[in-house]
Structures are given as C-alpha cells and as structure tokens.
C-alpha cells in the first residue's frame, strides 16, 4: 500500500477512532486558535519569488518552514478544468489503469485499496460507493494537467516526486498528517476545506494522539492493519480536550480550495482535509527543492526564448520518482507554449529538456 494521502516519509494523518468523548469535546474546527485564511493571491509568483518567499519564507513568520499560499484561478488554464466531465473521461481515457483506488472515503488507514481498476470501472461505481481515487495521474490524463509556472525553472524539475489524481463523489475526510514534499494541489472540480498547523506544533507526539500504525497494531487491536504515522487517537468530531488538552491551544490556519484554484502546501505542515458531498477532482504534484535557487537555469530558458511565466510543462512531459532514498534527478521536456487548444489536440512542440 502506498501512503498517498500522506507523504513518502509516512508522516500521515488521523484515524477517526470510536472513542468515548466527554461533554466538553468539540469538533476539530472548534478547538484551538484560528488564525484566519492563509495568504491568497490572484497572480502567480516568479520561480525566484516562489523559492524565496514561499518555499523558504525568508524574513517571514514561517522562515525555514515555508509559507502556505492559495493561487486563485491557477488551474483554470489547464485543459482538464474544462474537459474532465465523466462523459469525456469515459470516452477518451476509460481504459487507463488506476493504480490505487481506496475503499473508504473517510480515511482510517486500515483498509486495502483496489490496484487493478481502470477509469471506466471507477466511473461506474464512484457515485454509489465509498471509493476514492488516490491513483498516480494516469497516462492520458497527465497530458491535460500542468506544473505551475513557479516551478518552470530554478531546479525544481530535477526533484519531482509524484503526481496524484484525487477523484470521488465527495464527503471525504483525511487523517491529520504531514507530508515530506512540497505540494501544489489543484482543484479541477468541487471543493476542499483544509486546516493547517505549523510544523513545530508537536502534533507528531503522543500528547496529541499521534501513533505509528504498524507499532500500535501490536498493542491495540483497534489498529489492526493500519499503516503509517498519524493522529490516530482522537475523533475529529469529538476532540477529547481533557485527555488531549494541547489541541485547545494550537494555532491553525484555514484553506478553502474551490474549482480552478491551486494551493501550495510546504513540507512538514500538518493538515486535515475534507470535502462536501459533491463530485470532487483534484491533482497534486509532490516535489522537492534544492538548497539554492538555480538562476542560471531560468536565464538559460529565457535566452532560448521561453516565457517562464507561461504554462509550459505537462505532467506527462516529466519524469517522476525523486526521493531522498532515490535521488536520481528527474527532467522535463520544455515547450515554447502549450495553451489548452494545443494540448487537447495532442500537439507536439517539444523544444528541449531541463
């Protein structure tokens, strides 16, 4: 089983445990100290600004931990935003394999996924059952979604980890978890609501109900078959503040992600995600950053005539798979320009590689 609802380092999420809660209990949205919505902007930063302001948050309140940010409308230029109806997906991509379809929409990390479905089969069942695609973005669909321009250069393409397509009928709920990669998460249809906690909040300790699933299963039968590390001993609908008082003191930030928007989630930020009961599709790109920003790479692209603020790189144009334990550099083919019309025709236009 691949931990795609968390990160490659298995810092994962929240088991909705059936624990008795005292009268003072409240939902996860009602505890702690809300700090408002994360930063939102209508434009996209340059690769250099993204590296220094958001990846590093230099001079900011989250220096060294990254700054989450919402990019309004950033997914609207992707062909997927207009194309991905059920009818289109069935006709054009119905045979593609989905390598991971979860059998629960409210995550517990205790059930095994389907690993041999195709998209047509998923479309047959997703509206009437608790299934949830967490598949690596399938062939064909990867032609219709893009890396965001802030990582067109600067060295990010050398460390691309994994892309995932999240697809369900909504009413989903994640565990509280933290990923080890930088994350661009783009909403194609539907919406998702997030809670974000700072990486230094100490959520990954027993005082907040954090568990290591495999180890906990040896001691507690309620955790049989669970995997990964996550907040497994609280119920997000009834947070036991008497047993876990720390939840009442934590600062947290809200993120509302609607169709057409993308968000940047830095590594290490703990988060909880849920969606309303409606068709929901999103894609994300997990990646890593180098120690220093590669300005020479950006200069070289511009010298060749590339506009680094354009949507130049489809998911399918890239190799994926970089991780700390597998540090083989990835690369992407670069195009002069790839607007939605060209992409839907399967246009070529390869101009080089990074």
Protein backbone atom coordinates (compact mmCIF):
# COMPACT_ATOMS: atom_id res chain seq x y z
CA UNK A 1 0.00 0.00 0.00
CA UNK A 2 1.30 3.43 -0.95
CA UNK A 3 0.79 6.28 1.51
CA UNK A 4 -0.55 8.84 -0.95
CA UNK A 5 -2.82 10.61 1.49
CA UNK A 6 0.37 11.41 3.35
CA UNK A 7 3.98 11.77 2.26
CA UNK A 8 6.71 9.40 1.21
CA UNK A 9 8.17 9.63 4.72
CA UNK A 10 4.81 8.35 6.04
CA UNK A 11 4.03 11.36 8.19
CA UNK A 12 0.32 10.76 7.82
CA UNK A 13 -3.00 11.51 9.16
CA UNK A 14 -5.92 10.91 11.56
CA UNK A 15 -7.88 7.79 12.41
CA UNK A 16 -11.49 8.62 13.32
CA UNK A 17 -11.37 6.36 16.35
CA UNK A 18 -14.52 5.31 18.11
CA UNK A 19 -13.52 6.76 21.46
CA UNK A 20 -15.94 7.96 24.11
CA UNK A 21 -15.73 11.75 24.39
CA UNK A 22 -16.51 13.90 27.39
CA UNK A 23 -19.18 16.57 27.39
CA UNK A 24 -16.50 19.23 26.83
CA UNK A 25 -15.48 17.73 23.48
CA UNK A 26 -15.75 19.73 20.24
CA UNK A 27 -15.01 19.18 16.56
CA UNK A 28 -11.55 19.79 15.16
CA UNK A 29 -12.88 23.01 13.62
CA UNK A 30 -13.93 24.27 17.05
CA UNK A 31 -10.75 23.74 19.03
CA UNK A 32 -7.50 25.66 19.07
CA UNK A 33 -6.83 29.23 17.99
CA UNK A 34 -7.91 30.01 14.41
CA UNK A 35 -5.63 32.47 12.62
CA UNK A 36 -7.80 33.11 9.58
CA UNK A 37 -7.28 32.09 5.97
CA UNK A 38 -3.83 31.56 4.52
CA UNK A 39 -2.46 34.15 2.10
CA UNK A 40 -4.35 34.35 -1.18
CA UNK A 41 -3.22 35.94 -4.42
CA UNK A 42 -4.70 36.35 -7.89
CA UNK A 43 -1.38 36.08 -9.73
CA UNK A 44 1.48 33.60 -9.73
CA UNK A 45 4.94 34.41 -8.38
CA UNK A 46 8.05 34.06 -10.49
CA UNK A 47 10.17 30.98 -9.79
CA UNK A 48 12.64 33.12 -7.83
CA UNK A 49 9.92 34.75 -5.73
CA UNK A 50 8.31 31.38 -5.08
CA UNK A 51 11.60 29.88 -3.89
CA UNK A 52 12.48 32.69 -1.50
CA UNK A 53 9.05 33.92 -0.33
CA UNK A 54 7.02 30.71 -0.18
CA UNK A 55 9.42 27.78 -0.10
CA UNK A 56 11.71 29.47 2.44
CA UNK A 57 9.56 32.36 3.69
CA UNK A 58 12.71 34.42 4.12
CA UNK A 59 12.10 37.23 6.58
CA UNK A 60 8.57 35.99 7.23
CA UNK A 61 6.85 34.46 10.26
CA UNK A 62 7.40 30.91 8.99
CA UNK A 63 11.06 31.27 7.99
CA UNK A 64 12.62 27.88 7.43
CA UNK A 65 9.24 26.13 7.25
CA UNK A 66 7.67 27.61 4.12
CA UNK A 67 4.56 29.74 3.73
CA UNK A 68 1.28 28.17 2.53
CA UNK A 69 -0.48 30.21 -0.15
CA UNK A 70 -3.62 29.99 -2.29
CA UNK A 71 -3.34 30.81 -6.00
CA UNK A 72 -6.83 31.77 -7.15
CA UNK A 73 -7.76 30.52 -10.61
CA UNK A 74 -4.37 28.91 -11.28
CA UNK A 75 -5.92 25.64 -12.53
CA UNK A 76 -8.33 27.29 -14.96
CA UNK A 77 -5.77 27.36 -17.78
CA UNK A 78 -5.25 23.63 -17.60
CA UNK A 79 -7.21 21.68 -20.24
CA UNK A 80 -8.50 19.36 -17.51
CA UNK A 81 -10.53 22.18 -15.97
CA UNK A 82 -12.90 22.33 -18.95
CA UNK A 83 -12.53 18.79 -20.27
CA UNK A 84 -12.90 16.43 -17.33
CA UNK A 85 -16.58 15.58 -17.38
CA UNK A 86 -17.48 11.96 -16.69
CA UNK A 87 -18.52 11.55 -20.32
CA UNK A 88 -15.22 12.87 -21.65
CA UNK A 89 -13.16 10.80 -19.23
CA UNK A 90 -15.02 7.62 -20.12
CA UNK A 91 -14.73 8.19 -23.87
CA UNK A 92 -11.15 9.41 -24.02
CA UNK A 93 -9.49 7.70 -21.07
CA UNK A 94 -11.77 4.90 -19.91
CA UNK A 95 -9.17 2.18 -20.39
CA UNK A 96 -6.34 3.79 -18.45
CA UNK A 97 -5.26 1.99 -15.30
CA UNK A 98 -5.82 3.49 -11.87
CA UNK A 99 -3.15 2.01 -9.65
CA UNK A 100 -4.79 2.93 -6.35
CA UNK A 101 -8.50 3.24 -5.57
CA UNK A 102 -9.23 3.50 -1.85
CA UNK A 103 -12.23 1.62 -0.49
CA UNK A 104 -13.13 4.29 2.05
CA UNK A 105 -13.79 7.99 1.68
CA UNK A 106 -13.22 8.70 5.35
CA UNK A 107 -9.67 7.66 5.89
CA UNK A 108 -8.71 5.21 8.62
CA UNK A 109 -5.58 3.68 7.03
CA UNK A 110 -6.91 0.25 7.85
CA UNK A 111 -8.35 -0.94 4.52
CA UNK A 112 -6.60 -2.16 1.41
CA UNK A 113 -7.16 -0.33 -1.91
CA UNK A 114 -8.02 -1.70 -5.33
CA UNK A 115 -4.92 -1.68 -7.52
CA UNK A 116 -6.21 -3.06 -10.82
CA UNK A 117 -9.18 -0.89 -11.79
CA UNK A 118 -9.44 1.17 -14.94
CA UNK A 119 -11.08 4.58 -15.13
CA UNK A 120 -14.28 3.29 -16.76
CA UNK A 121 -14.84 0.87 -13.87
CA UNK A 122 -14.23 3.66 -11.39
CA UNK A 123 -16.79 5.87 -13.17
CA UNK A 124 -19.31 3.02 -12.98
CA UNK A 125 -19.09 2.87 -9.18
CA UNK A 126 -17.84 6.12 -7.64
CA UNK A 127 -21.25 7.81 -7.26
CA UNK A 128 -22.80 4.89 -5.35
CA UNK A 129 -19.95 3.53 -3.22
CA UNK A 130 -17.28 4.75 -0.82
CA UNK A 131 -14.39 4.64 -3.28
CA UNK A 132 -11.78 7.33 -3.71
CA UNK A 133 -9.08 7.53 -6.36
CA UNK A 134 -5.63 8.24 -4.99
CA UNK A 135 -4.01 6.98 -8.19
CA UNK A 136 -0.82 8.25 -9.72
CA UNK A 137 -2.05 10.54 -12.51
CA UNK A 138 -2.81 8.07 -15.30
CA UNK A 139 -1.41 8.16 -18.80
CA UNK A 140 -3.50 10.44 -20.98
CA UNK A 141 -4.86 12.46 -18.09
CA UNK A 142 -1.29 13.58 -17.44
CA UNK A 143 -1.37 15.32 -20.84
CA UNK A 144 -4.10 17.64 -19.58
CA UNK A 145 -2.61 18.99 -16.35
CA UNK A 146 0.46 21.19 -15.88
CA UNK A 147 3.23 22.01 -13.49
CA UNK A 148 2.55 25.53 -12.30
CA UNK A 149 4.86 28.20 -13.78
CA UNK A 150 6.59 28.96 -10.43
CA UNK A 151 8.47 25.68 -10.88
CA UNK A 152 9.20 26.07 -14.60
CA UNK A 153 12.83 26.58 -13.63
CA UNK A 154 15.00 27.07 -10.58
CA UNK A 155 15.95 23.42 -10.18
CA UNK A 156 12.56 22.05 -9.11
CA UNK A 157 12.20 19.77 -12.17
CA UNK A 158 15.25 17.81 -11.05
CA UNK A 159 13.41 16.64 -7.94
CA UNK A 160 9.87 15.74 -8.98
CA UNK A 161 8.43 13.12 -6.65
CA UNK A 162 4.91 12.03 -7.63
CA UNK A 163 1.65 13.24 -9.12
CA UNK A 164 -1.71 12.02 -7.81
CA UNK A 165 -5.27 12.35 -9.08
CA UNK A 166 -7.88 12.55 -6.32
CA UNK A 167 -11.39 11.68 -7.55
CA UNK A 168 -14.56 10.88 -5.61
CA UNK A 169 -18.20 11.83 -5.14
CA UNK A 170 -17.16 13.97 -2.18
CA UNK A 171 -17.88 13.66 1.53
CA UNK A 172 -14.25 12.67 2.01
CA UNK A 173 -12.12 13.13 5.08
CA UNK A 174 -8.40 12.72 5.52
CA UNK A 175 -6.39 11.85 8.55
CA UNK A 176 -4.38 14.64 10.19
CA UNK A 177 -0.94 14.26 8.71
CA UNK A 178 2.18 15.90 7.36
CA UNK A 179 3.92 15.32 4.03
CA UNK A 180 7.63 15.33 3.38
CA UNK A 181 7.40 17.03 -0.01
CA UNK A 182 6.45 20.44 -1.35
CA UNK A 183 2.93 20.21 -2.74
CA UNK A 184 0.98 22.06 -5.43
CA UNK A 185 -2.63 20.89 -5.05
CA UNK A 186 -5.03 22.00 -7.81
CA UNK A 187 -8.82 21.69 -7.70
CA UNK A 188 -10.40 20.69 -11.03
CA UNK A 189 -13.97 20.19 -9.77
CA UNK A 190 -15.68 20.51 -6.40
CA UNK A 191 -14.06 21.98 -3.29
CA UNK A 192 -12.00 21.05 -0.24
CA UNK A 193 -11.61 22.62 3.17
CA UNK A 194 -8.28 22.37 4.96
CA UNK A 195 -6.92 23.03 8.42
CA UNK A 196 -3.16 23.71 8.55
CA UNK A 197 -0.94 23.57 11.62
CA UNK A 198 2.67 24.76 11.87
CA UNK A 199 5.38 22.06 11.61
CA UNK A 200 6.61 22.96 15.11
CA UNK A 201 3.21 22.36 16.71
CA UNK A 202 4.36 18.97 18.08
CA UNK A 203 1.32 17.19 16.71
CA UNK A 204 3.54 14.21 15.96
CA UNK A 205 3.81 13.30 19.65
CA UNK A 206 1.71 11.05 21.93
CA UNK A 207 0.38 14.14 23.70
CA UNK A 208 -1.68 14.84 20.56
CA UNK A 209 -2.69 11.25 19.89
CA UNK A 210 0.00 10.58 17.27
CA UNK A 211 0.62 6.91 16.50
CA UNK A 212 2.77 4.73 14.28
CA UNK A 213 0.18 2.40 12.82
CA UNK A 214 2.23 -0.75 12.49
CA UNK A 215 3.58 -0.43 16.02
CA UNK A 216 0.23 0.49 17.51
CA UNK A 217 -1.38 -2.58 15.91
CA UNK A 218 0.88 -4.79 18.01
CA UNK A 219 -0.56 -3.27 21.19
CA UNK A 220 -4.13 -2.35 20.32
CA UNK A 221 -6.46 -4.49 18.15
CA UNK A 222 -8.38 -1.37 17.11
CA UNK A 223 -5.37 -0.51 14.94
CA UNK A 224 -5.22 -3.85 13.14
CA UNK A 225 -3.87 -3.44 9.57
CA UNK A 226 -3.22 0.28 9.99
CA UNK A 227 -0.09 1.77 8.47
CA UNK A 228 1.92 4.96 8.54
CA UNK A 229 2.26 7.60 11.24
CA UNK A 230 -0.76 9.77 12.03
CA UNK A 231 -3.04 11.23 14.67
CA UNK A 232 -4.93 8.08 15.48
CA UNK A 233 -6.28 8.55 18.99
CA UNK A 234 -8.67 11.44 18.62
CA UNK A 235 -12.05 11.69 16.93
CA UNK A 236 -12.20 14.87 14.83
CA UNK A 237 -15.93 15.13 15.54
CA UNK A 238 -15.35 14.89 19.31
CA UNK A 239 -11.87 16.05 20.30
CA UNK A 240 -11.25 14.96 23.88
CA UNK A 241 -9.70 18.10 25.37
CA UNK A 242 -9.47 16.54 28.82
CA UNK A 243 -7.24 13.75 27.57
CA UNK A 244 -5.51 15.81 24.85
CA UNK A 245 -5.61 19.42 26.09
CA UNK A 246 -2.93 20.55 23.64
CA UNK A 247 -5.46 20.69 20.81
CA UNK A 248 -7.16 23.57 22.57
CA UNK A 249 -4.01 25.70 22.42
CA UNK A 250 -2.80 25.20 18.84
CA UNK A 251 -2.85 27.98 16.27
CA UNK A 252 -4.31 26.89 12.95
CA UNK A 253 -4.97 28.35 9.52
CA UNK A 254 -7.83 27.70 7.13
CA UNK A 255 -7.62 26.97 3.42
CA UNK A 256 -10.71 26.95 1.20
CA UNK A 257 -9.90 25.39 -2.17
CA UNK A 258 -12.56 25.65 -4.90
CA UNK A 259 -12.62 24.53 -8.53
CA UNK A 260 -9.97 26.35 -10.53
CA UNK A 261 -7.74 27.16 -7.56
CA UNK A 262 -4.34 25.75 -6.59
CA UNK A 263 -2.60 25.84 -3.23
CA UNK A 264 1.00 25.46 -2.13
CA UNK A 265 1.50 23.36 1.00
CA UNK A 266 5.10 23.37 2.26
CA UNK A 267 6.59 20.17 3.64
CA UNK A 268 6.06 19.46 7.31
CA UNK A 269 2.80 21.40 7.70
CA UNK A 270 0.23 19.20 9.41
CA UNK A 271 -3.16 19.24 7.77
CA UNK A 272 -6.69 17.88 7.82
CA UNK A 273 -8.77 17.89 4.62
CA UNK A 274 -12.44 17.27 4.00
CA UNK A 275 -14.82 17.80 1.10
CA UNK A 276 -18.59 18.27 0.83
CA UNK A 277 -20.83 15.68 -0.81
CA UNK A 278 -20.30 16.65 -4.44
CA UNK A 279 -18.17 15.49 -7.37
CA UNK A 280 -14.57 16.20 -6.45
CA UNK A 281 -11.44 16.02 -8.63
CA UNK A 282 -8.04 17.44 -7.83
CA UNK A 283 -4.46 16.76 -8.82
CA UNK A 284 -1.28 17.39 -6.98
CA UNK A 285 2.41 17.49 -7.74
CA UNK A 286 4.80 16.49 -4.97
CA UNK A 287 8.33 17.78 -5.45
CA UNK A 288 11.46 18.86 -3.61
CA UNK A 289 13.69 21.90 -3.76
CA UNK A 290 17.45 22.25 -3.92
CA UNK A 291 19.43 24.11 -1.28
CA UNK A 292 19.95 27.08 -3.59
CA UNK A 293 17.83 28.57 -6.35
CA UNK A 294 19.15 27.76 -9.85
CA UNK A 295 19.04 31.19 -11.50
CA UNK A 296 21.26 30.00 -14.34
CA UNK A 297 18.59 27.54 -15.42
CA UNK A 298 15.98 30.30 -15.63
CA UNK A 299 18.38 32.57 -17.52
CA UNK A 300 19.13 29.80 -19.99
CA UNK A 301 15.43 29.21 -20.66
CA UNK A 302 14.77 32.88 -21.27
CA UNK A 303 17.80 33.13 -23.54
CA UNK A 304 16.24 30.40 -25.68
CA UNK A 305 13.01 32.36 -25.95
CA UNK A 306 10.90 30.64 -23.30
CA UNK A 307 8.44 32.70 -21.29
CA UNK A 308 8.92 31.20 -17.83
CA UNK A 309 5.63 32.66 -16.62
CA UNK A 310 3.67 30.52 -19.11
CA UNK A 311 2.22 27.04 -18.60
CA UNK A 312 4.95 25.14 -20.41
CA UNK A 313 5.18 21.68 -18.84
CA UNK A 314 2.53 18.97 -18.69
CA UNK A 315 2.74 16.23 -16.07
CA UNK A 316 3.36 13.80 -18.92
CA UNK A 317 6.38 15.80 -20.07
CA UNK A 318 8.26 14.89 -16.90
CA UNK A 319 9.99 12.01 -15.23
CA UNK A 320 8.89 11.43 -11.64
CA UNK A 321 10.24 9.45 -8.71
CA UNK A 322 12.85 11.58 -6.93
CA UNK A 323 13.05 10.88 -3.22
CA UNK A 324 15.75 11.24 -0.60
CA UNK A 325 16.35 7.49 -0.71
CA UNK A 326 16.24 7.50 -4.52
CA UNK A 327 17.96 10.76 -5.52
CA UNK A 328 18.03 10.20 -9.26
CA UNK A 329 17.50 13.53 -11.00
CA UNK A 330 14.25 13.92 -12.92
CA UNK A 331 13.79 16.07 -16.00
CA UNK A 332 11.05 17.59 -18.14
CA UNK A 333 10.63 18.35 -21.83
CA UNK A 334 10.06 22.05 -22.38
CA UNK A 335 7.70 23.60 -24.90
CA UNK A 336 7.60 27.10 -26.39
CA UNK A 337 3.96 27.43 -25.45
CA UNK A 338 1.25 24.93 -24.75
CA UNK A 339 -2.17 26.53 -24.48
CA UNK A 340 -5.29 24.48 -23.83
CA UNK A 341 -6.22 24.19 -27.52
CA UNK A 342 -2.84 22.76 -28.46
CA UNK A 343 -2.89 20.29 -25.58
CA UNK A 344 -6.31 18.88 -26.41
CA UNK A 345 -5.11 18.18 -29.94
CA UNK A 346 -2.12 16.32 -28.57
CA UNK A 347 0.21 18.87 -30.12
CA UNK A 348 3.89 18.20 -30.04
CA UNK A 349 6.05 21.29 -29.92
CA UNK A 350 8.94 19.81 -27.92
CA UNK A 351 11.79 22.29 -27.81
CA UNK A 352 14.25 20.86 -25.37
CA UNK A 353 14.78 19.45 -21.89
CA UNK A 354 15.61 20.61 -18.41
